Amino acid sequence: MNATCTGNLVAHRRARLEARVLFNALLAHTPLTTCLRLVPIGVERDRNAGFFLLKGPVLLEDYHLAEKLAQFDRERIPERVVHARGASAKGFFEVTHDVSHLTCADFLRSPGVQTPVIVRFSTVIHERGSPETLRDPRGFAVKFYTREGNFDLVGNNFPVFFIRDGMKFPDMVHALKPNPKSHIQENWRILDFFSHHPESLHMFSFLFDDVGVPLNYRHMDGSGVHTFTLLNREGKATYVKFHWRPTCGVKNLLEDEAVTVGGNNHSHATQDLYDSIAAGTYPEWKLFIQTMDPEHEDSFDFDPLDVTKTWPEDIFPLQPVGRMILNKNIDNFFNENEQLAFCPAIIVPGIYYSDDKLLQTRIFSYADTQRHRLGPNYLMLPVNAPKSAYHNNHHDGFMNFMQRDEEVILVFSTFATSWSVYVYTWSSLDCFLFLVWLMQSIIKKENNFKQPGERYRSWATDRFVLGPSCFYGVYM
């Protein structure tokens, strides 16, 4: 039998086999495997590449093989520069106390109002797949799907941060990341950077405290870290700080416990979160706020907009707002964790920024890094898109899948689509006119040592850890 006949025979047998598989699948009402063009693919064809003769080379005409490999080659996307290691869950936020006198935000309008949320917990410095037991701050980011659009409260488990000026953020991350020559994380590089930035001492008083290694994501605090601004219907502005408190209490790991837990399961916090929700033990946090009249901003020995400082609770007591319950695991890790994107610039009417220097930097940087990671239309992804209708003149770009048919995509046009717009009060003034000199200055009231000193002196002496081991495992 010549080669042509042999090839025809093989092709004929394959066709008969695939036809039989497809026929049996139809009879059994089972879903068929298809390529991206929706062409049905038999089981054998999905397992074996097309070839010439019995032992010949693979055929380029086997489009399913090419499509399968091409898709596989592009499955991975860039990981986050920080907060790469994380886990997500879904649930709801419910208002329990009236704060309508402080803000006109619709999702906070009255007790009993519920808003869907998705939350992402994370470590900060380490790469995706790293152990979750390393001494490192934890990210605590909440996306509220409100009727007025999304609100991203992007914070950490600590109420302060290492630096107060966003200009230093790239340098700080470079110091915390591995040595660019050896790709080894080294303590001397961390100490070298922070020795020039005494404002970081307050953050280190948290990092080296017991809370430096949380037991898991369910047993840790959360904080918005920055100072934001609440605006009510009359336009009155109030400074605010957001705080999350777990109803199950705060629990942490000691150094030796962290080594043991991490050695047994480097994904222990992710698994704990997933298993707890699956078992019906839903994590819950209470939301509290601290508020300040902006007129009193200069009345203290610290700058209230300095992210390296806390507001003393004896002066600014915690006020309850609501509760958040996570009662549903995500359906797909890539879609709802890796593609989940947060940005502190995403706010709703009734909540605004402050002049916190680091917050102002994050407003740009977070959105910019998501455009790099996910593309210019990352806000169209289902997990990032608001649940309410939205309108803008943003068009085109890679992976734009919004179906639009407007002929005019600009403002101030006679022919532009007329949208009904509710005018919100953003401040007590109808508009702002800023006439300023461009300045590059530091915060005058640095006061770098008072709050960390008070925190240090509040500890019992038997909790002190001395010697080289106190820095071991911070970012290693």
Foldseek 3Di string as FASTA:
>chain_A
DDQVVQQVVVVVVVVVVQVVQVVVCVVVVHDFDAAPVRHGDRPVCVVDADARGPPHDGDPVSVSVVRVVVCVVPPDFDADQWQRAKFKFKFKWFWQDQPQVFFPPPQQHDGGRIWIKMWMKGFTQDHHPFFLQFQGWMWIWMWTQDQQGIAILTWILDLFAQAQAQVCVVVQSCLQFADPVPRHNDPVSNCVVSVVPLLRLLVVLCSLAQLRGWPAPLQTKIWSLFWWWFAHQLFAIKIKIKIKHWPVYTHGDDPVRSVVVCVVPSCVRNVVQVVCLVVVNKTKIWMWMWIDRPVCQPVDLAGNRGSSDDDDCVVTPTHTTIMIIGRGGDPDCCLQPRLQAGANLDRGHRMGGDVRNNNVVRNPPRLVVSCNRPNPVSCPRPNNDRPYDDDALDDDGPPDPDDDDDPDRDPPDPPDDDDDDDDGNRHNDPDDDDDDDDDDDDDPSSVSVDVSVVSVVVDDPVSDDDDPCSPPRNSD
